[in-house]
Each structure stands twice: as structure tokens, then as C-alpha cells.
Amino acid sequence: MIPLLLWILSTHFPWRGAQGEQEAMAAVLFVLASITDGLDGYLARKRAQITTMGMLLDPIADKIMVTGALIALVAYNPQVVKVWIVVVIMGREFLISGLRSIASSEGFTIQASDLGKLKTVTQIVAVVSAILAHRWYQWEFGVLVIPVNWIAIAAMYFTALVSVISGIDYFVGFWKQIDHASKDRRKAFVLGRRKSPSISS
């Protein structure tokens, strides 16, 4: 779905009508991609079909989907999606990927926190609203007015904030784990030296 989404958000998309067909298709496709991203993990856990390949590809696909959409939106709707916001969000993703690699090499994992889950939800809302805000400033349903543009801007800034906070939270959790692991190794090393027989000359 990612290449298709990027094509829809590009200037090469042939159906760029005045009625918002391009924005509607891109928004629906991103929502579907987000749903399937969560659904496949749920089904894998429920059916006990978790594989090494799935554990590798699922987070990669998730990050490519979000960062690809955000990068495309920098050109597609620069009034809403600022470059620095995309850099903050992508920087957080690179940080978490690096920490996960180190944690894996050290033999432990860090579970996703509620902040991480909130970050995912806010990213979806931000991307979808930013896509729709390219065509609609607001929606009017009689007396009800939905400020699409303002929702998109607020969602983008809120996503950047949650990304920073969740990144810090993840780093703190990682540091506690790695510090605990290093203390265990030092303790095991000291005990091992005490138990080893001494060699006298």
C-alpha cells in the first residue's frame, strides 16, 4: 500500500479533481493500511503464528508507512506538515530502532508502553487530517463546523510532543534495563573470579 499511497499524494496522480477525490483516496488508503498493520499482529498473536520474519518486517513496514506519508506531506501540504516535525518524528523512530537492536543483543526486550501506543494513534490522526486539510479548510454540517485545518495542525504538533515524550520514556526504560544487565554481568564476573582456583608460583 505504501507505493500506492505515495503515488496518490504525488503530482503524477491523474485523478486530481476539485471534489477532493485525491485526498479522500489517500486518507482511506492510509486508514486501511493502519488497520491491517494492527490486525496482522493481533492475528499472529491470537493464532500463535509469530515468526522471526514477521517480527522483523512488521515494525519496518509501520515506520516506512508513517515516515513515507509524512515526507510526502511535506511537499503535498507544507502549511500543515513542517519539516522539523517530520525530523523529530523520524529521529524518534531511529532512536527506538537503535535501542531495540542494542537491547536484543544484550538479551532483553522492552515492551511497548501506553505512550508508544498513543504515539501511533496520534500519528494516524495527524497524517489523515493533514491529507484532508490539503483540500478542505473546514467541514460544515448545518450549525456543526469541523475545522479540518486546525485539527491537522494541532494533531501534528501533538504528535511531535508525544513522540519526544515517548522516546524519552523508552530511553529511560532501556537505560534501567541495560544498567541492571551490566550490574548482573559485573556481579557474575566477580563471583566467577572468587570461585576460580588461584595458581601459586
C-alpha atoms as a PDB file:
ATOM      1  CA  MET A   1       0.000   0.000   0.000  1.00  0.00           C
ATOM      2  CA  ILE A   2       2.924   2.362   0.622  1.00  0.00           C
ATOM      3  CA  PRO A   3       3.961   2.884  -3.028  1.00  0.00           C
ATOM      4  CA  LEU A   4       0.297   3.363  -3.954  1.00  0.00           C
ATOM      5  CA  LEU A   5      -0.136   5.975  -1.210  1.00  0.00           C
ATOM      6  CA  LEU A   6       2.950   7.896  -2.338  1.00  0.00           C
ATOM      7  CA  TRP A   7       1.689   7.806  -5.936  1.00  0.00           C
ATOM      8  CA  ILE A   8      -1.706   9.203  -4.919  1.00  0.00           C
ATOM      9  CA  LEU A   9      -0.029  12.021  -2.978  1.00  0.00           C
ATOM     10  CA  SER A  10       2.240  12.916  -5.904  1.00  0.00           C
ATOM     11  CA  THR A  11       1.708  15.327  -8.790  1.00  0.00           C
ATOM     12  CA  HIS A  12       1.631  12.328 -11.164  1.00  0.00           C
ATOM     13  CA  PHE A  13      -1.715  11.136  -9.840  1.00  0.00           C
ATOM     14  CA  PRO A  14      -4.165  11.528 -12.770  1.00  0.00           C
ATOM     15  CA  TRP A  15      -7.435  11.989 -10.827  1.00  0.00           C
ATOM     16  CA  ARG A  16      -6.785  15.240  -9.006  1.00  0.00           C
ATOM     17  CA  GLY A  17     -10.335  16.528  -9.110  1.00  0.00           C
ATOM     18  CA  ALA A  18     -11.796  19.603  -7.488  1.00  0.00           C
ATOM     19  CA  GLN A  19     -14.103  17.453  -5.354  1.00  0.00           C
ATOM     20  CA  GLY A  20     -11.256  16.050  -3.251  1.00  0.00           C
ATOM     21  CA  GLU A  21     -11.027  12.593  -4.825  1.00  0.00           C
ATOM     22  CA  GLN A  22      -7.240  12.522  -4.411  1.00  0.00           C
ATOM     23  CA  GLU A  23      -7.345  13.445  -0.734  1.00  0.00           C
ATOM     24  CA  ALA A  24     -10.221  11.068   0.031  1.00  0.00           C
ATOM     25  CA  MET A  25      -8.486   8.126  -1.651  1.00  0.00           C
ATOM     26  CA  ALA A  26      -5.196   8.819   0.121  1.00  0.00           C
ATOM     27  CA  ALA A  27      -6.902   9.169   3.516  1.00  0.00           C
ATOM     28  CA  VAL A  28      -8.920   5.958   3.089  1.00  0.00           C
ATOM     29  CA  LEU A  29      -5.848   4.045   1.911  1.00  0.00           C
ATOM     30  CA  PHE A  30      -3.765   5.215   4.881  1.00  0.00           C
ATOM     31  CA  VAL A  31      -6.525   4.245   7.324  1.00  0.00           C
ATOM     32  CA  LEU A  32      -6.781   0.796   5.709  1.00  0.00           C
ATOM     33  CA  ALA A  33      -3.010   0.362   5.862  1.00  0.00           C
ATOM     34  CA  SER A  34      -3.041   1.324   9.554  1.00  0.00           C
ATOM     35  CA  ILE A  35      -5.859  -1.125  10.299  1.00  0.00           C
ATOM     36  CA  THR A  36      -4.128  -4.016   8.544  1.00  0.00           C
ATOM     37  CA  ASP A  37      -0.868  -3.136  10.324  1.00  0.00           C
ATOM     38  CA  GLY A  38      -2.564  -3.669  13.670  1.00  0.00           C
ATOM     39  CA  LEU A  39      -4.721  -6.579  12.500  1.00  0.00           C
ATOM     40  CA  ASP A  40      -1.896  -8.797  11.276  1.00  0.00           C
ATOM     41  CA  GLY A  41      -0.086  -8.522  14.612  1.00  0.00           C
ATOM     42  CA  TYR A  42      -3.281  -9.326  16.502  1.00  0.00           C
ATOM     43  CA  LEU A  43      -3.997 -12.392  14.352  1.00  0.00           C
ATOM     44  CA  ALA A  44      -0.394 -13.590  14.630  1.00  0.00           C
ATOM     45  CA  ARG A  45      -0.530 -13.431  18.429  1.00  0.00           C
ATOM     46  CA  LYS A  46      -4.002 -14.963  18.661  1.00  0.00           C
ATOM     47  CA  ARG A  47      -3.137 -17.876  16.357  1.00  0.00           C
ATOM     48  CA  ALA A  48       0.377 -18.331  17.773  1.00  0.00           C
ATOM     49  CA  GLN A  49       1.840 -17.698  14.326  1.00  0.00           C
ATOM     50  CA  ILE A  50       4.508 -15.173  15.315  1.00  0.00           C
ATOM     51  CA  THR A  51       7.572 -15.607  13.110  1.00  0.00           C
ATOM     52  CA  THR A  52      11.028 -14.088  13.060  1.00  0.00           C
ATOM     53  CA  MET A  53      10.334 -12.634   9.622  1.00  0.00           C
ATOM     54  CA  GLY A  54       7.110 -11.076  10.876  1.00  0.00           C
ATOM     55  CA  MET A  55       8.855  -9.587  13.900  1.00  0.00           C
ATOM     56  CA  LEU A  56      11.394  -8.043  11.515  1.00  0.00           C
ATOM     57  CA  LEU A  57       9.073  -6.790   8.789  1.00  0.00           C
ATOM     58  CA  ASP A  58       6.116  -5.539  10.855  1.00  0.00           C
ATOM     59  CA  PRO A  59       7.871  -2.619  12.617  1.00  0.00           C
ATOM     60  CA  ILE A  60       9.815  -1.789   9.448  1.00  0.00           C
ATOM     61  CA  ALA A  61       6.625  -1.605   7.385  1.00  0.00           C
ATOM     62  CA  ASP A  62       4.986   0.518  10.090  1.00  0.00           C
ATOM     63  CA  LYS A  63       7.854   3.013  10.134  1.00  0.00           C
ATOM     64  CA  ILE A  64       8.100   3.196   6.333  1.00  0.00           C
ATOM     65  CA  MET A  65       4.351   3.782   6.088  1.00  0.00           C
ATOM     66  CA  VAL A  66       4.324   6.668   8.571  1.00  0.00           C
ATOM     67  CA  THR A  67       7.610   8.311   7.573  1.00  0.00           C
ATOM     68  CA  GLY A  68       6.870   7.885   3.858  1.00  0.00           C
ATOM     69  CA  ALA A  69       3.490   9.569   4.272  1.00  0.00           C
ATOM     70  CA  LEU A  70       4.990  12.403   6.339  1.00  0.00           C
ATOM     71  CA  ILE A  71       7.781  13.048   3.846  1.00  0.00           C
ATOM     72  CA  ALA A  72       5.263  13.129   1.002  1.00  0.00           C
ATOM     73  CA  LEU A  73       3.072  15.503   3.009  1.00  0.00           C
ATOM     74  CA  VAL A  74       5.956  17.950   3.477  1.00  0.00           C
ATOM     75  CA  ALA A  75       5.663  18.631  -0.252  1.00  0.00           C
ATOM     76  CA  TYR A  76       1.918  17.958  -0.510  1.00  0.00           C
ATOM     77  CA  ASN A  77       0.747  20.171   2.376  1.00  0.00           C
ATOM     78  CA  PRO A  78       3.711  22.197   3.723  1.00  0.00           C
ATOM     79  CA  GLN A  79       1.416  24.645   5.531  1.00  0.00           C
ATOM     80  CA  VAL A  80       0.464  21.866   7.949  1.00  0.00           C
ATOM     81  CA  VAL A  81       3.372  19.396   7.863  1.00  0.00           C
ATOM     82  CA  LYS A  82       6.561  21.226   8.805  1.00  0.00           C
ATOM     83  CA  VAL A  83       9.982  19.772   8.050  1.00  0.00           C
ATOM     84  CA  TRP A  84      11.155  19.991  11.668  1.00  0.00           C
ATOM     85  CA  ILE A  85       8.150  17.994  12.859  1.00  0.00           C
ATOM     86  CA  VAL A  86       8.972  15.198  10.428  1.00  0.00           C
ATOM     87  CA  VAL A  87      12.624  15.276  11.555  1.00  0.00           C
ATOM     88  CA  VAL A  88      11.568  14.972  15.220  1.00  0.00           C
ATOM     89  CA  ILE A  89       9.235  12.044  14.490  1.00  0.00           C
ATOM     90  CA  MET A  90      11.774  10.243  12.290  1.00  0.00           C
ATOM     91  CA  GLY A  91      14.568  10.906  14.786  1.00  0.00           C
ATOM     92  CA  ARG A  92      12.498   9.246  17.492  1.00  0.00           C
ATOM     93  CA  GLU A  93      11.927   6.209  15.278  1.00  0.00           C
ATOM     94  CA  PHE A  94      15.670   5.892  14.521  1.00  0.00           C
ATOM     95  CA  LEU A  95      16.443   6.176  18.245  1.00  0.00           C
ATOM     96  CA  ILE A  96      13.974   3.454  19.202  1.00  0.00           C
ATOM     97  CA  SER A  97      15.223   1.154  16.435  1.00  0.00           C
ATOM     98  CA  GLY A  98      18.791   1.573  17.655  1.00  0.00           C
ATOM     99  CA  LEU A  99      17.853   0.945  21.274  1.00  0.00           C
ATOM    100  CA  ARG A 100      15.875  -2.157  20.315  1.00  0.00           C
ATOM    101  CA  SER A 101      18.891  -3.523  18.448  1.00  0.00           C
ATOM    102  CA  ILE A 102      21.135  -2.979  21.464  1.00  0.00           C
ATOM    103  CA  ALA A 103      18.534  -4.480  23.815  1.00  0.00           C
ATOM    104  CA  SER A 104      18.223  -7.531  21.579  1.00  0.00           C
ATOM    105  CA  SER A 105      21.994  -8.022  21.529  1.00  0.00           C
ATOM    106  CA  GLU A 106      22.013  -7.799  25.332  1.00  0.00           C
ATOM    107  CA  GLY A 107      19.311 -10.454  25.602  1.00  0.00           C
ATOM    108  CA  PHE A 108      16.334  -8.434  26.789  1.00  0.00           C
ATOM    109  CA  THR A 109      13.347  -6.655  25.302  1.00  0.00           C
ATOM    110  CA  ILE A 110      11.448  -3.524  26.266  1.00  0.00           C
ATOM    111  CA  GLN A 111       7.686  -3.737  25.955  1.00  0.00           C
ATOM    112  CA  ALA A 112       5.784  -1.003  24.157  1.00  0.00           C
ATOM    113  CA  SER A 113       4.363   1.478  26.649  1.00  0.00           C
ATOM    114  CA  ASP A 114       0.987   3.190  26.600  1.00  0.00           C
ATOM    115  CA  LEU A 115       2.793   6.322  25.377  1.00  0.00           C
ATOM    116  CA  GLY A 116       4.064   4.386  22.387  1.00  0.00           C
ATOM    117  CA  LYS A 117       0.549   3.231  21.579  1.00  0.00           C
ATOM    118  CA  LEU A 118      -0.738   6.796  21.976  1.00  0.00           C
ATOM    119  CA  LYS A 119       2.008   7.949  19.611  1.00  0.00           C
ATOM    120  CA  THR A 120       0.780   5.508  16.964  1.00  0.00           C
ATOM    121  CA  VAL A 121      -2.821   6.728  17.261  1.00  0.00           C
ATOM    122  CA  THR A 122      -1.813  10.404  17.112  1.00  0.00           C
ATOM    123  CA  GLN A 123       0.334   9.736  14.040  1.00  0.00           C
ATOM    124  CA  ILE A 124      -2.621   8.188  12.222  1.00  0.00           C
ATOM    125  CA  VAL A 125      -4.895  11.105  13.125  1.00  0.00           C
ATOM    126  CA  ALA A 126      -2.215  13.629  12.138  1.00  0.00           C
ATOM    127  CA  VAL A 127      -1.493  12.065   8.754  1.00  0.00           C
ATOM    128  CA  VAL A 128      -5.160  11.588   7.810  1.00  0.00           C
ATOM    129  CA  SER A 129      -6.156  15.094   8.898  1.00  0.00           C
ATOM    130  CA  ALA A 130      -3.145  16.628   7.095  1.00  0.00           C
ATOM    131  CA  ILE A 131      -4.167  14.838   3.887  1.00  0.00           C
ATOM    132  CA  LEU A 132      -7.758  16.071   4.168  1.00  0.00           C
ATOM    133  CA  ALA A 133      -6.652  19.602   5.111  1.00  0.00           C
ATOM    134  CA  HIS A 134      -4.983  19.898   1.708  1.00  0.00           C
ATOM    135  CA  ARG A 135      -8.431  20.124   0.138  1.00  0.00           C
ATOM    136  CA  TRP A 136     -10.771  21.242   2.937  1.00  0.00           C
ATOM    137  CA  TYR A 137     -10.199  24.070   5.408  1.00  0.00           C
ATOM    138  CA  GLN A 138     -13.301  23.081   7.340  1.00  0.00           C
ATOM    139  CA  TRP A 139     -16.404  20.928   7.031  1.00  0.00           C
ATOM    140  CA  GLU A 140     -19.812  22.466   7.597  1.00  0.00           C
ATOM    141  CA  PHE A 141     -22.819  20.332   8.513  1.00  0.00           C
ATOM    142  CA  GLY A 142     -25.526  22.872   9.235  1.00  0.00           C
ATOM    143  CA  VAL A 143     -24.588  24.524  12.536  1.00  0.00           C
ATOM    144  CA  LEU A 144     -21.803  21.992  13.095  1.00  0.00           C
ATOM    145  CA  VAL A 145     -18.403  23.168  11.823  1.00  0.00           C
ATOM    146  CA  ILE A 146     -15.380  20.847  11.880  1.00  0.00           C
ATOM    147  CA  PRO A 147     -12.124  22.835  11.487  1.00  0.00           C
ATOM    148  CA  VAL A 148     -10.155  20.277   9.473  1.00  0.00           C
ATOM    149  CA  ASN A 149      -7.129  22.513   9.006  1.00  0.00           C
ATOM    150  CA  TRP A 150      -6.823  23.404  12.675  1.00  0.00           C
ATOM    151  CA  ILE A 151      -7.299  19.775  13.705  1.00  0.00           C
ATOM    152  CA  ALA A 152      -4.479  18.788  11.342  1.00  0.00           C
ATOM    153  CA  ILE A 153      -2.113  21.464  12.709  1.00  0.00           C
ATOM    154  CA  ALA A 154      -2.917  20.595  16.335  1.00  0.00           C
ATOM    155  CA  ALA A 155      -2.543  16.868  15.637  1.00  0.00           C
ATOM    156  CA  MET A 156       0.870  17.423  14.027  1.00  0.00           C
ATOM    157  CA  TYR A 157       2.232  19.401  16.964  1.00  0.00           C
ATOM    158  CA  PHE A 158       0.705  16.968  19.453  1.00  0.00           C
ATOM    159  CA  THR A 159       2.266  14.041  17.574  1.00  0.00           C
ATOM    160  CA  ALA A 160       5.686  15.698  17.749  1.00  0.00           C
ATOM    161  CA  LEU A 161       5.233  16.246  21.503  1.00  0.00           C
ATOM    162  CA  VAL A 162       4.101  12.667  22.154  1.00  0.00           C
ATOM    163  CA  SER A 163       6.957  11.343  20.002  1.00  0.00           C
ATOM    164  CA  VAL A 164       9.521  13.206  22.122  1.00  0.00           C
ATOM    165  CA  ILE A 165       7.935  12.169  25.446  1.00  0.00           C
ATOM    166  CA  SER A 166       7.516   8.523  24.412  1.00  0.00           C
ATOM    167  CA  GLY A 167      11.095   8.486  23.094  1.00  0.00           C
ATOM    168  CA  ILE A 168      12.389   9.737  26.446  1.00  0.00           C
ATOM    169  CA  ASP A 169      10.201   7.207  28.273  1.00  0.00           C
ATOM    170  CA  TYR A 170      11.541   4.380  26.113  1.00  0.00           C
ATOM    171  CA  PHE A 171      15.125   5.535  26.644  1.00  0.00           C
ATOM    172  CA  VAL A 172      14.647   5.622  30.440  1.00  0.00           C
ATOM    173  CA  GLY A 173      13.224   2.089  30.362  1.00  0.00           C
ATOM    174  CA  PHE A 174      16.103   0.943  28.180  1.00  0.00           C
ATOM    175  CA  TRP A 175      18.710   2.558  30.440  1.00  0.00           C
ATOM    176  CA  LYS A 176      17.287   0.867  33.541  1.00  0.00           C
ATOM    177  CA  GLN A 177      17.383  -2.495  31.797  1.00  0.00           C
ATOM    178  CA  ILE A 178      20.886  -2.089  30.387  1.00  0.00           C
ATOM    179  CA  ASP A 179      22.191  -0.793  33.725  1.00  0.00           C
ATOM    180  CA  HIS A 180      20.636  -3.766  35.514  1.00  0.00           C
ATOM    181  CA  ALA A 181      22.108  -6.166  32.949  1.00  0.00           C
ATOM    182  CA  SER A 182      25.598  -4.645  33.270  1.00  0.00           C
ATOM    183  CA  LYS A 183      25.429  -4.917  37.081  1.00  0.00           C
ATOM    184  CA  ASP A 184      24.475  -8.584  36.765  1.00  0.00           C
ATOM    185  CA  ARG A 185      27.421  -9.195  34.445  1.00  0.00           C
ATOM    186  CA  ARG A 186      29.845  -7.446  36.805  1.00  0.00           C
ATOM    187  CA  LYS A 187      28.483  -9.424  39.748  1.00  0.00           C
ATOM    188  CA  ALA A 188      28.802 -12.698  37.828  1.00  0.00           C
ATOM    189  CA  PHE A 189      32.341 -11.753  36.793  1.00  0.00           C
ATOM    190  CA  VAL A 190      33.391 -11.006  40.390  1.00  0.00           C
ATOM    191  CA  LEU A 191      31.814 -14.227  41.712  1.00  0.00           C
ATOM    192  CA  GLY A 192      33.474 -16.184  38.928  1.00  0.00           C
ATOM    193  CA  ARG A 193      36.892 -14.829  39.843  1.00  0.00           C
ATOM    194  CA  ARG A 194      36.355 -15.645  43.503  1.00  0.00           C
ATOM    195  CA  LYS A 195      35.389 -19.239  42.723  1.00  0.00           C
ATOM    196  CA  SER A 196      38.258 -19.832  40.266  1.00  0.00           C
ATOM    197  CA  PRO A 197      41.275 -21.614  41.856  1.00  0.00           C
ATOM    198  CA  SER A 198      44.362 -19.495  42.424  1.00  0.00           C
ATOM    199  CA  ILE A 199      47.666 -20.515  40.864  1.00  0.00           C
ATOM    200  CA  SER A 200      50.651 -20.253  43.148  1.00  0.00           C
ATOM    201  CA  SER A 201      54.146 -19.908  41.834  1.00  0.00           C
END
